[in-house]
Amino acid sequence: MTETGRENVPSRTRRRFPGISSRAYEHPADRSALVALRKLSGFDTVFKALSGLLPERSLRLLYLSDSVRVSDAQFAHLHDMLRDACYILDLEKVPSMYVTQDPKPNAMCIGLDEPIIVVTTGLVELLDEEEMRAVVGHEVGHALSGHSVYRTVLLFLTNLALKVAWIPLGNVTVMAIVTALREWFRKSELSADRAGLLVGQDLQASMRGLMKLAGGHHLHEMNVDAFLAQAEEYEESGDLRDSVLKILNVLPRTHPFTTVRAAELKKWAESRDFERIMDGHYPRRSEDKDTSVTDSFRESAGHYAQTVRGSKDPLMKLVGDIAGGAGDLGGKLFEKFSGAAGGRSGRDGDGREDGGGKGTA
């Protein structure tokens, strides 16, 4: 240890990724949509034209006038983290960052022309330095992927839906778009979690941060393995009715549930893809223009097919059975919804526990 005490500080030893493309860490569903939009002629022009309608300028003025802008003079430790995250992910222009007074822990990256990052005081007070580093990396990942554009559009459309609720079918149309954007954005959050891990390069810090978002300051009362076990129980438990309830619960959310995020991030951290990135083998931004939309959609479809095949959720298992040509569809549906009726003792057609007797209504 040196006299300054900084020899073992992670920012001094972490790997940098020159020229890295956001495709390296993006969730397949997020990546396929982004690749398609980047290939769409005139897409940028349309969104620039929309900028006059969207509340971006108002938001920028609001944060400038009523929040604290992060700099060398204000929240200097956050400014160091921000510059460090941009250096690691090779983001040339450092986004503006603000701290806003709000006891609820939250962070976001918005903006059409230039992304701005906003973190709440609740988040700053909740997380330690390395946990916060992962969050800053998460938001820089949003900026590198261009997610800030879609976040801003989502905010605009959500407000619009409230204003046109009285118009027949108007709200239905807008809400359909909002629902699709939310599903996309939930996948983008998984992408940004991966970016946060690439910046922090400390899986335990990322896990601690997610646990604190779920359970608050009481880290000494929580356990990573037990927290991850919750995610597994959430996926496996219940019958088909619970599967539907899970969908209804997640529809209004812009973020996946916290235990699910933790489980997804751990799975990615243990994958060959993450290992290759850390070894310096990753797609470059210079190659983005040559990326095939068809290949990206094929990869996304393959990911979802694999997810369905490997899922322990009752609905996903049923979808897999139907896709595999399983017979007696009516019987399977009745059995799943009834929680193993007919004296089968909670077992599905393959003789496995379907979780139907675990206290469902």
Protein backbone atom coordinates (compact mmCIF):
# COMPACT_ATOMS: atom_id res chain seq x y z
CA MET A 1 0.00 0.00 0.00
CA THR A 2 1.34 3.43 -0.92
CA GLU A 3 1.32 6.47 1.34
CA THR A 4 -1.72 7.80 -0.50
CA GLY A 5 -3.61 4.60 0.25
CA ARG A 6 -4.90 4.40 -3.35
CA GLU A 7 -2.89 1.51 -4.76
CA ASN A 8 -5.76 -0.99 -4.45
CA VAL A 9 -8.56 1.36 -5.46
CA PRO A 10 -10.52 -0.39 -8.26
CA SER A 11 -10.37 2.67 -10.52
CA ARG A 12 -6.60 2.18 -10.69
CA THR A 13 -6.72 -1.45 -11.80
CA ARG A 14 -9.88 -1.91 -13.85
CA ARG A 15 -9.77 -2.85 -17.52
CA ARG A 16 -10.66 -0.32 -20.22
CA PHE A 17 -12.54 -1.16 -23.44
CA PRO A 18 -11.38 1.15 -26.27
CA GLY A 19 -13.91 1.54 -29.07
CA ILE A 20 -16.38 -0.88 -27.49
CA SER A 21 -19.77 -1.08 -29.17
CA SER A 22 -22.85 -1.13 -26.96
CA ARG A 23 -23.73 -4.34 -28.80
CA ALA A 24 -21.16 -6.05 -26.58
CA TYR A 25 -23.34 -5.80 -23.49
CA GLU A 26 -26.86 -5.28 -24.82
CA HIS A 27 -29.57 -7.83 -24.09
CA PRO A 28 -30.49 -9.60 -27.38
CA ALA A 29 -34.02 -8.13 -27.47
CA ASP A 30 -32.67 -4.64 -26.79
CA ARG A 31 -29.86 -5.05 -29.32
CA SER A 32 -32.07 -6.22 -32.18
CA ALA A 33 -34.39 -3.23 -31.81
CA LEU A 34 -31.50 -0.77 -31.59
CA VAL A 35 -29.73 -2.26 -34.63
CA ALA A 36 -32.94 -1.98 -36.64
CA LEU A 37 -33.50 1.65 -35.64
CA ARG A 38 -29.91 2.60 -36.39
CA LYS A 39 -30.35 1.16 -39.88
CA LEU A 40 -33.65 2.99 -40.42
CA SER A 41 -33.07 5.85 -42.85
CA GLY A 42 -34.14 9.21 -41.48
CA PHE A 43 -34.68 7.92 -37.93
CA ASP A 44 -32.38 10.53 -36.38
CA THR A 45 -33.97 13.31 -38.43
CA VAL A 46 -37.47 12.37 -37.26
CA PHE A 47 -36.45 12.42 -33.61
CA LYS A 48 -34.66 15.73 -34.03
CA ALA A 49 -37.90 17.11 -35.44
CA LEU A 50 -39.79 15.70 -32.46
CA SER A 51 -37.46 17.46 -30.05
CA GLY A 52 -39.55 20.61 -30.34
CA LEU A 53 -42.60 18.68 -29.08
CA LEU A 54 -40.85 16.76 -26.31
CA PRO A 55 -40.20 18.34 -22.91
CA GLU A 56 -36.42 17.95 -23.17
CA ARG A 57 -35.53 21.64 -23.02
CA SER A 58 -37.91 22.09 -20.10
CA LEU A 59 -36.30 19.16 -18.25
CA ARG A 60 -32.80 20.53 -18.82
CA LEU A 61 -33.82 23.93 -17.47
CA LEU A 62 -35.57 22.29 -14.53
CA TYR A 63 -32.52 20.29 -13.45
CA LEU A 64 -30.22 23.26 -14.06
CA SER A 65 -32.35 25.53 -11.89
CA ASP A 66 -33.47 23.16 -9.13
CA SER A 67 -30.78 20.45 -8.78
CA VAL A 68 -27.04 20.31 -8.21
CA ARG A 69 -24.84 19.86 -11.27
CA VAL A 70 -22.03 17.39 -10.66
CA SER A 71 -18.57 18.85 -11.30
CA ASP A 72 -15.13 19.19 -9.76
CA ALA A 73 -16.68 21.73 -7.40
CA GLN A 74 -19.90 19.85 -6.52
CA PHE A 75 -20.17 16.14 -5.71
CA ALA A 76 -16.60 15.75 -6.92
CA HIS A 77 -16.51 12.02 -6.11
CA LEU A 78 -19.46 11.44 -8.45
CA HIS A 79 -17.76 13.52 -11.12
CA ASP A 80 -14.66 11.33 -10.84
CA MET A 81 -16.82 8.21 -11.19
CA LEU A 82 -18.60 9.67 -14.21
CA ARG A 83 -15.38 10.54 -16.03
CA ASP A 84 -13.92 7.17 -15.11
CA ALA A 85 -16.98 5.32 -16.46
CA CYS A 86 -16.81 7.27 -19.72
CA TYR A 87 -13.09 6.48 -19.96
CA ILE A 88 -13.64 2.74 -19.42
CA LEU A 89 -16.48 2.52 -21.98
CA ASP A 90 -14.68 4.99 -24.27
CA LEU A 91 -17.57 7.46 -24.38
CA GLU A 92 -15.90 10.54 -25.84
CA LYS A 93 -18.25 13.24 -24.52
CA VAL A 94 -18.97 13.12 -20.79
CA PRO A 95 -22.73 13.66 -20.19
CA SER A 96 -23.99 16.29 -17.78
CA MET A 97 -25.00 14.84 -14.44
CA TYR A 98 -27.27 16.23 -11.73
CA VAL A 99 -28.15 15.29 -8.16
CA THR A 100 -31.77 16.06 -7.33
CA GLN A 101 -33.43 16.11 -3.90
CA ASP A 102 -35.65 13.03 -3.66
CA PRO A 103 -35.64 10.47 -0.84
CA LYS A 104 -36.58 7.70 -3.27
CA PRO A 105 -33.43 6.04 -4.66
CA ASN A 106 -33.45 6.43 -8.43
CA ALA A 107 -31.31 7.31 -11.43
CA MET A 108 -32.07 7.96 -15.07
CA CYS A 109 -30.53 8.99 -18.36
CA ILE A 110 -32.69 11.17 -20.63
CA GLY A 111 -32.28 13.54 -23.55
CA LEU A 112 -32.56 13.59 -27.35
CA ASP A 113 -29.70 15.80 -28.50
CA GLU A 114 -27.37 15.08 -25.59
CA PRO A 115 -27.97 12.65 -22.72
CA ILE A 116 -28.13 13.93 -19.15
CA ILE A 117 -27.84 11.71 -16.10
CA VAL A 118 -29.90 12.38 -12.97
CA VAL A 119 -29.43 10.65 -9.60
CA THR A 120 -31.47 11.25 -6.49
CA THR A 121 -30.16 12.09 -3.03
CA GLY A 122 -31.86 8.93 -1.79
CA LEU A 123 -29.60 6.86 -4.06
CA VAL A 124 -26.44 8.79 -3.17
CA GLU A 125 -27.11 8.28 0.54
CA LEU A 126 -28.01 4.60 0.12
CA LEU A 127 -25.01 3.27 -1.80
CA ASP A 128 -21.31 3.01 -0.96
CA GLU A 129 -18.61 4.09 -3.44
CA GLU A 130 -18.32 0.87 -5.45
CA GLU A 131 -22.08 0.30 -5.52
CA MET A 132 -22.50 3.85 -6.81
CA ARG A 133 -19.77 3.27 -9.39
CA ALA A 134 -21.84 0.44 -10.86
CA VAL A 135 -24.89 2.72 -11.02
CA VAL A 136 -22.94 5.47 -12.79
CA GLY A 137 -21.64 2.86 -15.22
CA HIS A 138 -25.23 1.69 -15.70
CA GLU A 139 -26.31 5.20 -16.72
CA VAL A 140 -23.28 5.72 -18.97
CA GLY A 141 -24.24 2.42 -20.63
CA HIS A 142 -27.67 3.91 -21.33
CA ALA A 143 -25.97 6.93 -22.91
CA LEU A 144 -23.66 4.80 -25.07
CA SER A 145 -26.58 2.67 -26.30
CA GLY A 146 -28.72 5.71 -27.08
CA HIS A 147 -31.41 4.65 -24.61
CA SER A 148 -31.82 8.24 -23.42
CA VAL A 149 -33.74 8.99 -26.63
CA TYR A 150 -36.34 6.31 -25.96
CA ARG A 151 -36.60 7.16 -22.27
CA THR A 152 -37.44 10.75 -23.24
CA VAL A 153 -40.03 9.58 -25.77
CA LEU A 154 -41.53 7.24 -23.16
CA LEU A 155 -41.87 10.11 -20.69
CA PHE A 156 -43.55 12.21 -23.36
CA LEU A 157 -45.98 9.47 -24.41
CA THR A 158 -46.86 8.60 -20.81
CA ASN A 159 -47.81 12.25 -20.22
CA LEU A 160 -49.67 12.30 -23.53
CA ALA A 161 -51.69 9.23 -22.54
CA LEU A 162 -52.97 11.09 -19.50
CA LYS A 163 -53.99 14.07 -21.62
CA VAL A 164 -55.85 12.10 -24.30
CA ALA A 165 -57.57 9.67 -21.94
CA TRP A 166 -60.93 11.32 -22.68
CA ILE A 167 -60.62 10.81 -26.47
CA PRO A 168 -62.29 7.55 -27.69
CA LEU A 169 -59.57 5.06 -28.68
CA GLY A 170 -56.93 7.78 -28.35
CA ASN A 171 -55.67 6.53 -25.02
CA VAL A 172 -55.77 2.91 -26.22
CA THR A 173 -53.45 3.69 -29.12
CA VAL A 174 -50.98 5.66 -27.05
CA MET A 175 -50.98 3.11 -24.23
CA ALA A 176 -50.26 0.32 -26.71
CA ILE A 177 -47.13 2.21 -27.77
CA VAL A 178 -46.23 2.95 -24.14
CA THR A 179 -46.60 -0.73 -23.23
CA ALA A 180 -44.29 -1.77 -26.09
CA LEU A 181 -41.73 0.88 -25.10
CA ARG A 182 -41.83 -0.26 -21.49
CA GLU A 183 -41.13 -3.86 -22.49
CA TRP A 184 -38.22 -2.63 -24.60
CA PHE A 185 -36.96 -0.46 -21.79
CA ARG A 186 -37.11 -3.28 -19.26
CA LYS A 187 -34.71 -5.19 -21.50
CA SER A 188 -32.55 -2.07 -21.86
CA GLU A 189 -32.21 -1.99 -18.06
CA LEU A 190 -30.69 -5.48 -18.18
CA SER A 191 -28.27 -4.15 -20.82
CA ALA A 192 -27.33 -1.19 -18.63
CA ASP A 193 -26.80 -3.46 -15.61
CA ARG A 194 -24.20 -5.27 -17.70
CA ALA A 195 -22.57 -1.95 -18.60
CA GLY A 196 -22.44 -1.12 -14.89
CA LEU A 197 -20.59 -4.39 -14.26
CA LEU A 198 -18.12 -3.63 -17.04
CA VAL A 199 -17.40 -0.27 -15.43
CA GLY A 200 -17.28 -1.39 -11.79
CA GLN A 201 -15.84 -4.85 -12.51
CA ASP A 202 -17.07 -5.91 -9.08
CA LEU A 203 -20.03 -8.30 -9.20
CA GLN A 204 -20.48 -8.25 -5.43
CA ALA A 205 -20.83 -4.44 -5.47
CA SER A 206 -23.46 -4.71 -8.21
CA MET A 207 -25.32 -7.35 -6.19
CA ARG A 208 -25.16 -5.24 -3.02
CA GLY A 209 -26.55 -2.24 -4.85
CA LEU A 210 -29.53 -4.20 -6.17
CA MET A 211 -30.16 -5.69 -2.72
CA LYS A 212 -30.16 -2.22 -1.18
CA LEU A 213 -32.67 -1.03 -3.80
CA ALA A 214 -34.93 -3.84 -2.64
CA GLY A 215 -34.28 -3.81 1.12
CA GLY A 216 -32.75 -0.47 2.03
CA HIS A 217 -29.74 0.26 4.24
CA HIS A 218 -29.93 -3.00 6.18
CA LEU A 219 -27.26 -4.84 4.23
CA HIS A 220 -26.10 -6.70 7.36
CA GLU A 221 -29.55 -8.29 7.47
CA MET A 222 -29.40 -9.53 3.86
CA ASN A 223 -27.60 -12.33 2.04
CA VAL A 224 -26.75 -12.48 -1.68
CA ASP A 225 -27.42 -16.21 -2.04
CA ALA A 226 -30.77 -15.94 -0.27
CA PHE A 227 -31.66 -12.90 -2.40
CA LEU A 228 -30.88 -14.81 -5.61
CA ALA A 229 -32.89 -17.77 -4.31
CA GLN A 230 -35.91 -15.44 -4.23
CA ALA A 231 -35.55 -14.90 -7.97
CA GLU A 232 -35.54 -18.65 -8.57
CA GLU A 233 -38.55 -19.14 -6.33
CA TYR A 234 -40.35 -16.28 -8.11
CA GLU A 235 -39.82 -17.97 -11.48
CA GLU A 236 -40.77 -21.47 -10.35
CA SER A 237 -43.59 -20.89 -7.89
CA GLY A 238 -47.33 -21.00 -8.42
CA ASP A 239 -49.52 -22.21 -11.26
CA LEU A 240 -50.63 -20.63 -14.52
CA ARG A 241 -52.72 -18.05 -12.66
CA ASP A 242 -49.58 -16.76 -10.95
CA SER A 243 -47.82 -16.57 -14.31
CA VAL A 244 -50.56 -14.25 -15.56
CA LEU A 245 -50.34 -12.18 -12.38
CA LYS A 246 -46.58 -11.81 -12.89
CA ILE A 247 -47.23 -10.37 -16.34
CA LEU A 248 -49.85 -7.96 -15.00
CA ASN A 249 -47.53 -6.87 -12.19
CA VAL A 250 -44.64 -6.07 -14.52
CA LEU A 251 -46.62 -4.33 -17.31
CA PRO A 252 -46.70 -0.83 -15.72
CA ARG A 253 -43.01 -0.98 -14.73
CA THR A 254 -40.06 0.48 -16.65
CA HIS A 255 -37.61 -1.74 -14.73
CA PRO A 256 -37.58 -5.50 -14.19
CA PHE A 257 -38.02 -6.67 -10.61
CA THR A 258 -34.85 -6.32 -8.54
CA THR A 259 -34.29 -10.01 -7.77
CA VAL A 260 -34.74 -10.81 -11.46
CA ARG A 261 -32.14 -8.17 -12.37
CA ALA A 262 -29.69 -9.64 -9.88
CA ALA A 263 -30.17 -13.17 -11.21
CA GLU A 264 -29.83 -12.03 -14.84
CA LEU A 265 -26.65 -10.08 -14.09
CA LYS A 266 -25.05 -12.98 -12.23
CA LYS A 267 -25.88 -15.32 -15.11
CA TRP A 268 -24.25 -12.92 -17.59
CA ALA A 269 -21.21 -12.43 -15.36
CA GLU A 270 -20.64 -16.20 -15.46
CA SER A 271 -21.11 -16.42 -19.23
CA ARG A 272 -18.55 -16.84 -21.98
CA ASP A 273 -19.68 -13.52 -23.47
CA PHE A 274 -18.57 -11.61 -20.37
CA GLU A 275 -15.30 -13.52 -20.22
CA ARG A 276 -14.52 -12.67 -23.84
CA ILE A 277 -15.17 -8.97 -23.25
CA MET A 278 -12.87 -8.96 -20.24
CA ASP A 279 -10.24 -10.66 -22.39
CA GLY A 280 -10.50 -7.81 -24.91
CA HIS A 281 -12.61 -9.61 -27.53
CA TYR A 282 -15.71 -7.53 -28.20
CA PRO A 283 -17.52 -5.80 -31.12
CA ARG A 284 -16.24 -2.33 -31.97
CA ARG A 285 -18.27 0.79 -32.73
CA SER A 286 -16.50 1.03 -36.07
CA GLU A 287 -18.29 -2.20 -37.07
CA ASP A 288 -21.80 -1.05 -36.09
CA LYS A 289 -22.69 0.10 -39.60
CA ASP A 290 -22.01 -3.39 -40.96
CA THR A 291 -24.23 -5.15 -38.42
CA SER A 292 -26.98 -7.28 -39.95
CA VAL A 293 -30.52 -6.54 -38.80
CA THR A 294 -31.57 -10.07 -39.77
CA ASP A 295 -28.81 -11.63 -37.71
CA SER A 296 -29.72 -9.46 -34.72
CA PHE A 297 -33.38 -10.46 -34.90
CA ARG A 298 -32.40 -14.09 -35.34
CA GLU A 299 -30.24 -13.88 -32.23
CA SER A 300 -33.07 -12.23 -30.31
CA ALA A 301 -35.54 -14.91 -31.41
CA GLY A 302 -33.04 -17.61 -30.47
CA HIS A 303 -32.61 -16.07 -27.03
CA TYR A 304 -36.35 -16.04 -26.39
CA ALA A 305 -36.70 -19.62 -27.63
CA GLN A 306 -33.93 -20.71 -25.29
CA THR A 307 -35.54 -18.76 -22.43
CA VAL A 308 -38.86 -20.54 -23.00
CA ARG A 309 -37.18 -23.94 -23.16
CA GLY A 310 -35.18 -23.36 -19.98
CA SER A 311 -37.82 -21.50 -17.97
CA LYS A 312 -39.42 -23.10 -14.93
CA ASP A 313 -42.36 -20.68 -15.02
CA PRO A 314 -45.64 -22.61 -15.54
CA LEU A 315 -46.77 -20.43 -18.46
CA MET A 316 -43.40 -20.64 -20.20
CA LYS A 317 -43.32 -24.41 -19.73
CA LEU A 318 -46.79 -24.63 -21.27
CA VAL A 319 -45.68 -22.48 -24.22
CA GLY A 320 -42.72 -24.82 -24.64
CA ASP A 321 -45.03 -27.84 -24.58
CA ILE A 322 -47.30 -26.31 -27.21
CA ALA A 323 -44.34 -25.35 -29.40
CA GLY A 324 -43.08 -28.91 -29.04
CA GLY A 325 -46.37 -30.33 -30.25
CA ALA A 326 -47.53 -31.67 -26.90
CA GLY A 327 -51.01 -33.20 -26.95
CA ASP A 328 -54.00 -32.76 -24.65
CA LEU A 329 -53.76 -28.95 -24.69
CA GLY A 330 -57.17 -28.55 -23.04
CA GLY A 331 -56.21 -30.88 -20.22
CA LYS A 332 -52.92 -29.10 -19.67
CA LEU A 333 -54.61 -25.70 -19.53
CA PHE A 334 -57.22 -26.94 -17.04
CA GLU A 335 -54.56 -28.58 -14.90
CA LYS A 336 -52.32 -25.50 -14.84
CA PHE A 337 -55.15 -23.09 -13.97
CA SER A 338 -56.76 -25.41 -11.41
CA GLY A 339 -53.54 -26.00 -9.49
CA ALA A 340 -53.31 -29.74 -10.20
CA ALA A 341 -56.99 -30.67 -9.92
CA GLY A 342 -58.20 -34.22 -10.29
CA GLY A 343 -56.07 -35.80 -7.57
CA ARG A 344 -52.71 -35.38 -9.30
CA SER A 345 -51.09 -34.03 -6.13
CA GLY A 346 -49.63 -30.93 -7.76
CA ARG A 347 -47.90 -32.75 -10.65
CA ASP A 348 -48.06 -31.86 -14.31
CA GLY A 349 -48.36 -34.26 -17.21
CA ASP A 350 -44.68 -35.18 -16.94
CA GLY A 351 -44.98 -36.15 -13.29
CA ARG A 352 -43.08 -33.08 -12.06
CA GLU A 353 -44.13 -30.68 -9.35
CA ASP A 354 -45.89 -27.69 -10.92
CA GLY A 355 -46.09 -25.69 -7.69
CA GLY A 356 -49.89 -25.51 -7.88
CA GLY A 357 -50.35 -26.26 -4.21
CA LYS A 358 -48.17 -23.44 -2.89
CA GLY A 359 -50.88 -21.33 -1.36
CA THR A 360 -52.43 -19.94 -4.51
CA ALA A 361 -55.96 -18.58 -4.45
